[in-house]
Amino acid sequence: MANTLFGPLSGSCRVDGLLDDGAWIAALLEVELALSAVAAEQGAVSEDDADGVERAVAAVAGVDPAELAAESVEGGNPVIPLVKRLRAAAARIQPGAERAVHPGATSQDVMDTALVLLTRRAGHRVVEDLGACADAAAVLARAHRDTPCAARTLGQQALPTTFGLVAANWCAGLDRARVRLRQVLDELPVQYGGAAGTLAASHPYGPAVADALAVRLGLAPQGVPWHTERSRIGELAGALGVAAGACGKPATDVVLLSATEVGEVSEAAPGDSSSMPHKRNPAAAVTARGSAQRAPGLVAGLLAGAEQEFQRAAGAWHAEWETLTGLLRVTAGAASRLRSCLEGLQVHETAMARNLALAAGVQGSGSGHAGELVDRVLAGRPR
């Protein structure tokens, strides 16, 4: 469900529509349709029956999410009632076509594969915004390669640096997070293992069906089913958490550098206050930081669920669905709001010079290799 009130504020509206109830149902049906089609291609079900499933999918696509949710309670996931609806619709449309619904699959196969589809779609939008943030930081780094400002350590002025190097460090972190997240997303596989992960119900077609399903859906091949081997979910959680942190770092710097007493940067469109009309708050940086700070708890929740018992987890698997989509939302929010912050960020060189002059004994100090380090970051940026 889209977060109408807080989505635009937190930035999660960037992906809310890709993760809401309608998106979930559409993804589940997409997997079921693809599974019937590739099972027919491999000879596991008949082509005629698979054609009937396609019409059945169209017939149930408008199912009310609230009705499906209520029907999901008994079995513990929405695939069970959805498959019942599909089989009933297929039988009405073409008697016998129900045999091609959900062939050789278990509920987790469809849930996991649908979650991977949603994750990749929302995740690549996060990657896009991370890239835009890094590009904006690179523009700042290039423009202010040699702009002197105070480096601050432990909250106090240290030696001089340049604002270009400050921004270059933002850029480097954002680029690193972007590349890793994109890699993890592209490696997310299909899930198809059947009731116990042995593909027994689809023998002798199982591995071929699994591989064809991956190709049809544009996902990585699974190798073997991963029902309770959740290292990929852990890697994904880590990559999203790192991406949120990479956004939180520049957002925090902008908040501090925008303080009235510092005044070294300001957002292009600062926010106002309900009670103090003189204020110009760095609202985009503040909300980016707010979204980023929600990520670690969600990451921890996903990592805590990695110890899944036997061949189907009782609870830990179920805990992933909303936790992972929540993590996608907050990371997307952090990246989206940081993008608003950095694109057009105003740099106040006079204030930087004024503040640098406050530190006794450093006025004559240079900024070392700061300019060269900026050049290294910009020249070495990954695609």
Protein backbone atom coordinates (compact mmCIF):
# COMPACT_ATOMS: atom_id res chain seq x y z
CA MET A 1 0.00 0.00 0.00
CA ALA A 2 1.32 3.40 -0.97
CA ASN A 3 2.30 5.67 1.91
CA THR A 4 0.20 8.66 0.90
CA LEU A 5 1.00 10.94 3.85
CA PHE A 6 4.66 10.18 4.49
CA GLY A 7 5.80 8.77 1.13
CA PRO A 8 6.70 12.08 -0.52
CA LEU A 9 8.24 13.41 2.68
CA SER A 10 10.44 10.35 3.26
CA GLY A 11 11.13 9.75 -0.42
CA SER A 12 9.65 6.24 -0.34
CA CYS A 13 7.08 7.33 -2.95
CA ARG A 14 9.89 6.67 -5.42
CA VAL A 15 9.20 2.92 -5.04
CA ASP A 16 5.90 2.64 -3.16
CA GLY A 17 3.99 1.86 -6.34
CA LEU A 18 6.42 -0.94 -7.14
CA LEU A 19 5.91 -2.62 -3.76
CA ASP A 20 2.24 -2.12 -2.91
CA ASP A 21 -0.53 -4.73 -2.77
CA GLY A 22 -1.31 -4.43 -6.45
CA ALA A 23 2.33 -4.89 -7.38
CA TRP A 24 2.56 -7.99 -5.17
CA ILE A 25 -0.50 -9.63 -6.74
CA ALA A 26 0.68 -8.77 -10.24
CA ALA A 27 4.10 -10.30 -9.52
CA LEU A 28 2.59 -13.48 -8.07
CA LEU A 29 0.43 -13.88 -11.16
CA GLU A 30 3.38 -13.10 -13.43
CA VAL A 31 5.30 -15.97 -11.84
CA GLU A 32 2.36 -18.38 -12.10
CA LEU A 33 1.80 -17.50 -15.75
CA ALA A 34 5.48 -17.85 -16.60
CA LEU A 35 5.68 -21.17 -14.75
CA SER A 36 2.77 -22.66 -16.68
CA ALA A 37 4.23 -21.43 -19.96
CA VAL A 38 7.74 -22.83 -19.42
CA ALA A 39 6.34 -26.09 -18.04
CA ALA A 40 4.49 -26.46 -21.33
CA GLU A 41 7.64 -25.65 -23.29
CA GLN A 42 9.51 -28.39 -21.45
CA GLY A 43 6.73 -30.93 -21.87
CA ALA A 44 5.67 -31.04 -18.22
CA VAL A 45 2.10 -29.86 -19.04
CA SER A 46 0.18 -29.55 -22.28
CA GLU A 47 0.26 -26.41 -24.42
CA ASP A 48 -3.54 -26.29 -24.48
CA ASP A 49 -3.76 -26.38 -20.70
CA ALA A 50 -1.14 -23.63 -20.43
CA ASP A 51 -3.19 -21.48 -22.80
CA GLY A 52 -6.13 -21.90 -20.44
CA VAL A 53 -4.00 -20.73 -17.52
CA GLU A 54 -3.17 -17.54 -19.38
CA ARG A 55 -6.87 -16.73 -19.63
CA ALA A 56 -7.39 -17.69 -16.00
CA VAL A 57 -4.66 -15.27 -14.90
CA ALA A 58 -6.43 -12.48 -16.74
CA ALA A 59 -9.70 -13.47 -15.05
CA VAL A 60 -8.35 -13.26 -11.49
CA ALA A 61 -6.00 -10.28 -11.98
CA GLY A 62 -8.56 -7.93 -10.48
CA VAL A 63 -8.85 -9.80 -7.19
CA ASP A 64 -9.47 -7.54 -4.21
CA PRO A 65 -6.29 -7.46 -2.08
CA ALA A 66 -8.40 -7.36 1.09
CA GLU A 67 -10.25 -10.53 0.09
CA LEU A 68 -7.04 -12.31 -0.82
CA ALA A 69 -5.47 -11.20 2.45
CA ALA A 70 -8.37 -12.63 4.46
CA GLU A 71 -8.13 -15.90 2.57
CA SER A 72 -4.37 -16.05 3.24
CA VAL A 73 -4.68 -16.29 7.00
CA GLU A 74 -5.44 -20.00 7.18
CA GLY A 75 -2.50 -21.16 5.05
CA GLY A 76 -0.03 -18.47 6.05
CA ASN A 77 0.66 -16.94 2.64
CA PRO A 78 -1.31 -15.43 -0.26
CA VAL A 79 -0.15 -17.96 -2.87
CA ILE A 80 -2.41 -20.71 -1.52
CA PRO A 81 -5.73 -18.87 -2.04
CA LEU A 82 -4.47 -17.30 -5.27
CA VAL A 83 -3.71 -20.74 -6.71
CA LYS A 84 -7.17 -21.94 -5.66
CA ARG A 85 -8.71 -19.03 -7.53
CA LEU A 86 -6.53 -19.71 -10.57
CA ARG A 87 -7.44 -23.38 -10.68
CA ALA A 88 -11.14 -22.65 -10.36
CA ALA A 89 -10.97 -20.01 -13.11
CA ALA A 90 -8.94 -22.30 -15.39
CA ALA A 91 -11.43 -25.14 -14.93
CA ARG A 92 -14.34 -22.85 -15.81
CA ILE A 93 -12.60 -21.43 -18.86
CA GLN A 94 -11.21 -24.72 -20.18
CA PRO A 95 -11.89 -27.96 -18.31
CA GLY A 96 -8.57 -29.66 -17.53
CA ALA A 97 -6.51 -26.47 -17.74
CA GLU A 98 -6.28 -26.43 -13.95
CA ARG A 99 -3.65 -29.17 -14.29
CA ALA A 100 -1.24 -26.56 -15.67
CA VAL A 101 -1.66 -24.18 -12.72
CA HIS A 102 1.31 -24.08 -10.30
CA PRO A 103 2.98 -27.16 -11.86
CA GLY A 104 5.54 -28.79 -9.57
CA ALA A 105 5.76 -25.70 -7.38
CA THR A 106 5.32 -24.91 -3.72
CA SER A 107 4.06 -21.63 -2.30
CA GLN A 108 7.56 -20.49 -1.38
CA ASP A 109 8.70 -20.83 -4.99
CA VAL A 110 6.13 -18.28 -6.09
CA MET A 111 6.51 -15.98 -3.09
CA ASP A 112 10.31 -15.87 -3.31
CA THR A 113 10.36 -15.37 -7.07
CA ALA A 114 7.75 -12.62 -6.87
CA LEU A 115 9.71 -10.93 -4.09
CA VAL A 116 12.85 -11.09 -6.24
CA LEU A 117 10.97 -9.47 -9.13
CA LEU A 118 9.70 -6.66 -6.90
CA THR A 119 13.10 -6.22 -5.29
CA ARG A 120 14.89 -5.90 -8.59
CA ARG A 121 12.42 -3.37 -9.93
CA ALA A 122 12.50 -1.20 -6.83
CA GLY A 123 16.21 -1.78 -6.28
CA HIS A 124 17.23 -0.60 -9.72
CA ARG A 125 15.37 2.63 -9.05
CA VAL A 126 17.49 3.02 -5.91
CA VAL A 127 20.59 2.38 -8.03
CA GLU A 128 19.47 5.10 -10.43
CA ASP A 129 19.10 7.63 -7.61
CA LEU A 130 22.42 6.62 -6.06
CA GLY A 131 24.04 7.30 -9.42
CA ALA A 132 22.39 10.72 -9.63
CA CYS A 133 23.56 11.53 -6.09
CA ALA A 134 27.11 10.49 -6.95
CA ASP A 135 27.00 12.56 -10.14
CA ALA A 136 25.85 15.61 -8.18
CA ALA A 137 28.64 15.09 -5.66
CA ALA A 138 31.13 14.78 -8.52
CA VAL A 139 29.95 18.12 -9.94
CA LEU A 140 30.53 19.72 -6.55
CA ALA A 141 33.93 18.07 -6.23
CA ARG A 142 35.07 19.30 -9.61
CA ALA A 143 33.75 22.82 -9.12
CA HIS A 144 35.31 23.16 -5.66
CA ARG A 145 38.47 21.11 -6.13
CA ASP A 146 40.56 23.91 -4.66
CA THR A 147 38.01 25.72 -2.49
CA PRO A 148 39.58 25.79 0.99
CA CYS A 149 37.47 24.95 3.99
CA ALA A 150 38.00 23.61 7.47
CA ALA A 151 38.32 19.89 8.02
CA ARG A 152 36.59 18.92 11.24
CA THR A 153 37.59 16.03 13.47
CA LEU A 154 35.76 15.08 16.67
CA GLY A 155 33.49 18.04 16.05
CA GLN A 156 36.29 20.60 16.06
CA GLN A 157 38.20 22.40 13.34
CA ALA A 158 41.37 20.57 12.39
CA LEU A 159 43.57 21.45 9.37
CA PRO A 160 42.39 22.88 6.06
CA THR A 161 40.91 20.67 3.37
CA THR A 162 38.94 21.59 0.27
CA PHE A 163 35.23 21.31 -0.20
CA GLY A 164 36.02 19.45 -3.39
CA LEU A 165 37.58 16.64 -1.35
CA VAL A 166 34.61 16.60 1.01
CA ALA A 167 32.28 16.13 -1.95
CA ALA A 168 34.64 13.64 -3.60
CA ASN A 169 34.43 11.43 -0.54
CA TRP A 170 30.63 11.58 -0.74
CA CYS A 171 30.89 10.59 -4.39
CA ALA A 172 33.22 7.66 -3.68
CA GLY A 173 30.93 6.18 -1.05
CA LEU A 174 27.82 6.58 -3.16
CA ASP A 175 29.50 5.02 -6.19
CA ARG A 176 30.74 2.07 -4.18
CA ALA A 177 27.29 1.45 -2.72
CA ARG A 178 25.67 1.81 -6.15
CA VAL A 179 27.95 -0.70 -7.85
CA ARG A 180 27.58 -3.29 -5.10
CA LEU A 181 23.81 -2.97 -4.92
CA ARG A 182 23.48 -3.31 -8.67
CA GLN A 183 25.65 -6.43 -8.60
CA VAL A 184 23.58 -8.05 -5.83
CA LEU A 185 20.32 -7.21 -7.59
CA ASP A 186 21.50 -8.66 -10.88
CA GLU A 187 22.50 -11.91 -9.13
CA LEU A 188 19.12 -12.50 -7.47
CA PRO A 189 17.79 -15.83 -8.76
CA VAL A 190 14.54 -17.55 -9.48
CA GLN A 191 13.18 -19.97 -6.89
CA TYR A 192 11.77 -23.36 -7.93
CA GLY A 193 12.20 -26.40 -5.74
CA GLY A 194 8.82 -27.94 -5.03
CA ALA A 195 7.57 -29.12 -1.68
CA ALA A 196 10.90 -30.27 -0.22
CA GLY A 197 13.40 -28.61 -2.54
CA THR A 198 13.97 -31.80 -4.56
CA LEU A 199 11.84 -30.93 -7.62
CA ALA A 200 10.14 -34.30 -7.13
CA ALA A 201 6.73 -33.17 -8.41
CA SER A 202 8.22 -31.93 -11.67
CA HIS A 203 10.57 -34.89 -12.29
CA PRO A 204 12.13 -35.39 -14.82
CA TYR A 205 11.60 -31.83 -16.05
CA GLY A 206 12.43 -29.90 -12.86
CA PRO A 207 15.88 -28.41 -13.53
CA ALA A 208 14.95 -27.52 -17.11
CA VAL A 209 11.75 -25.82 -15.94
CA ALA A 210 13.68 -23.88 -13.30
CA ASP A 211 16.26 -22.66 -15.81
CA ALA A 212 13.60 -21.74 -18.37
CA LEU A 213 11.62 -19.88 -15.72
CA ALA A 214 14.68 -17.79 -14.87
CA VAL A 215 15.20 -16.90 -18.53
CA ARG A 216 11.56 -16.02 -19.07
CA LEU A 217 11.46 -13.74 -16.01
CA GLY A 218 14.88 -12.22 -16.64
CA LEU A 219 16.32 -13.55 -13.38
CA ALA A 220 19.55 -15.32 -12.55
CA PRO A 221 19.45 -19.13 -12.54
CA GLN A 222 19.14 -20.66 -9.10
CA GLY A 223 21.65 -23.51 -9.41
CA VAL A 224 19.80 -25.37 -6.67
CA PRO A 225 16.70 -24.33 -4.71
CA TRP A 226 17.47 -21.96 -1.84
CA HIS A 227 14.37 -22.29 0.34
CA THR A 228 16.27 -22.11 3.64
CA GLU A 229 19.70 -21.06 2.34
CA ARG A 230 19.21 -17.31 2.68
CA SER A 231 22.69 -15.94 2.10
CA ARG A 232 21.40 -14.00 -0.91
CA ILE A 233 18.85 -12.22 1.26
CA GLY A 234 21.64 -11.39 3.72
CA GLU A 235 23.83 -10.00 0.94
CA LEU A 236 20.90 -7.95 -0.32
CA ALA A 237 20.18 -6.62 3.16
CA GLY A 238 23.81 -5.63 3.58
CA ALA A 239 23.97 -3.89 0.20
CA LEU A 240 20.80 -1.92 0.92
CA GLY A 241 22.02 -1.02 4.39
CA VAL A 242 25.36 0.19 3.05
CA ALA A 243 23.55 2.21 0.40
CA ALA A 244 21.40 3.85 3.06
CA GLY A 245 24.52 4.66 5.07
CA ALA A 246 26.24 6.09 2.01
CA CYS A 247 23.27 8.47 1.69
CA GLY A 248 23.19 9.26 5.38
CA LYS A 249 26.81 10.45 5.42
CA PRO A 250 26.46 13.46 3.06
CA ALA A 251 23.00 14.18 4.43
CA THR A 252 24.49 14.50 7.92
CA ASP A 253 27.30 16.74 6.65
CA VAL A 254 24.83 19.01 4.87
CA VAL A 255 22.68 19.30 7.99
CA LEU A 256 25.70 20.35 10.06
CA LEU A 257 27.25 22.60 7.42
CA SER A 258 23.89 24.36 6.96
CA ALA A 259 23.69 25.43 10.60
CA THR A 260 23.22 29.16 11.02
CA GLU A 261 26.56 29.56 12.81
CA VAL A 262 28.39 27.63 10.07
CA GLY A 263 26.49 28.58 6.93
CA GLU A 264 28.86 26.89 4.47
CA VAL A 265 26.19 25.21 2.33
CA SER A 266 22.46 25.53 1.80
CA GLU A 267 19.91 23.58 -0.16
CA ALA A 268 18.48 25.08 -3.32
CA ALA A 269 14.94 24.79 -1.93
CA PRO A 270 15.17 24.90 1.87
CA GLY A 271 12.17 24.17 4.02
CA ASP A 272 10.47 26.55 6.41
CA SER A 273 9.22 26.30 9.96
CA SER A 274 5.65 26.39 11.29
CA SER A 275 6.63 28.72 14.14
CA MET A 276 9.88 30.45 13.10
CA PRO A 277 9.58 32.18 9.72
CA HIS A 278 13.27 33.12 9.68
CA LYS A 279 14.42 29.49 9.45
CA ARG A 280 15.62 27.83 6.25
CA ASN A 281 15.85 24.17 7.11
CA PRO A 282 17.81 21.64 5.01
CA ALA A 283 14.64 19.58 4.72
CA ALA A 284 15.84 17.21 2.00
CA ALA A 285 18.99 16.33 3.94
CA VAL A 286 17.02 15.95 7.16
CA THR A 287 14.51 13.55 5.62
CA ALA A 288 17.24 11.63 3.77
CA ARG A 289 18.94 11.15 7.10
CA GLY A 290 15.66 10.12 8.70
CA SER A 291 15.10 7.41 6.11
CA ALA A 292 18.70 6.20 6.30
CA GLN A 293 18.52 5.83 10.07
CA ARG A 294 15.65 3.36 9.77
CA ALA A 295 17.71 0.96 7.67
CA PRO A 296 20.01 -0.71 10.24
CA GLY A 297 17.15 -2.18 12.26
CA LEU A 298 15.60 -3.67 9.14
CA VAL A 299 18.97 -5.07 8.05
CA ALA A 300 19.38 -6.67 11.46
CA GLY A 301 15.93 -8.22 11.19
CA LEU A 302 16.78 -9.87 7.88
CA LEU A 303 20.14 -11.11 9.12
CA ALA A 304 18.53 -12.49 12.28
CA GLY A 305 16.25 -14.61 10.12
CA ALA A 306 19.10 -16.29 8.26
CA GLU A 307 19.11 -19.30 10.59
CA GLN A 308 16.23 -21.11 8.93
CA GLU A 309 15.48 -24.65 10.00
CA PHE A 310 15.27 -27.77 7.83
CA GLN A 311 13.67 -27.35 4.38
CA ARG A 312 11.01 -24.71 5.13
CA ALA A 313 11.27 -22.08 7.81
CA ALA A 314 8.43 -21.55 10.25
CA GLY A 315 8.32 -17.80 10.71
CA ALA A 316 11.75 -16.57 9.64
CA TRP A 317 10.80 -16.80 5.96
CA HIS A 318 7.48 -15.07 6.60
CA ALA A 319 9.28 -12.26 8.42
CA GLU A 320 11.25 -11.37 5.28
CA TRP A 321 8.42 -10.12 3.10
CA GLU A 322 7.53 -6.88 4.86
CA THR A 323 10.99 -6.39 6.34
CA LEU A 324 12.68 -6.48 2.95
CA THR A 325 10.11 -4.28 1.25
CA GLY A 326 10.41 -1.88 4.19
CA LEU A 327 14.18 -1.78 3.74
CA LEU A 328 13.75 -1.09 0.05
CA ARG A 329 11.43 1.78 0.88
CA VAL A 330 13.69 3.49 3.40
CA THR A 331 16.81 3.08 1.24
CA ALA A 332 14.95 4.42 -1.76
CA GLY A 333 13.74 7.30 0.39
CA ALA A 334 17.25 8.15 1.53
CA ALA A 335 18.60 8.11 -2.03
CA SER A 336 15.69 10.09 -3.44
CA ARG A 337 15.79 12.81 -0.82
CA LEU A 338 19.59 13.06 -0.95
CA ARG A 339 19.33 13.54 -4.69
CA SER A 340 17.04 16.51 -4.05
CA CYS A 341 19.55 17.81 -1.53
CA LEU A 342 22.71 17.54 -3.63
CA GLU A 343 21.38 18.60 -7.01
CA GLY A 344 21.74 22.35 -6.83
CA LEU A 345 23.39 22.45 -3.41
CA GLN A 346 24.70 25.98 -2.85
CA VAL A 347 28.25 26.35 -1.59
CA HIS A 348 29.17 29.53 0.28
CA GLU A 349 32.90 30.05 -0.15
CA THR A 350 32.95 33.27 1.86
CA ALA A 351 31.57 31.47 4.91
CA MET A 352 34.13 28.72 4.45
CA ALA A 353 36.96 31.23 4.42
CA ARG A 354 35.52 33.02 7.44
CA ASN A 355 35.21 29.83 9.45
CA LEU A 356 38.65 28.63 8.43
CA ALA A 357 40.13 31.86 9.79
CA LEU A 358 38.71 31.09 13.23
CA ALA A 359 41.21 28.31 13.87
CA ALA A 360 44.35 29.87 15.27
CA GLY A 361 47.58 28.60 13.79
CA VAL A 362 46.17 26.93 10.66
CA GLN A 363 45.68 29.94 8.40
CA GLY A 364 49.00 29.36 6.72
CA SER A 365 48.57 25.62 6.44
CA GLY A 366 47.86 24.19 3.03
CA SER A 367 45.41 21.49 2.10
CA GLY A 368 48.07 18.97 1.20
CA HIS A 369 47.19 16.68 -1.70
CA ALA A 370 43.48 17.44 -1.50
CA GLY A 371 43.21 18.54 -5.13
CA GLU A 372 45.06 15.46 -6.38
CA LEU A 373 42.84 13.21 -4.31
CA VAL A 374 39.78 14.81 -5.87
CA ASP A 375 41.23 14.09 -9.30
CA ARG A 376 41.79 10.45 -8.34
CA VAL A 377 38.22 9.98 -7.24
CA LEU A 378 36.79 11.60 -10.34
CA ALA A 379 39.09 9.75 -12.72
CA GLY A 380 38.42 6.39 -11.10
CA ARG A 381 34.64 6.54 -10.95
CA PRO A 382 32.99 3.24 -11.96
CA ARG A 383 30.36 3.17 -14.63
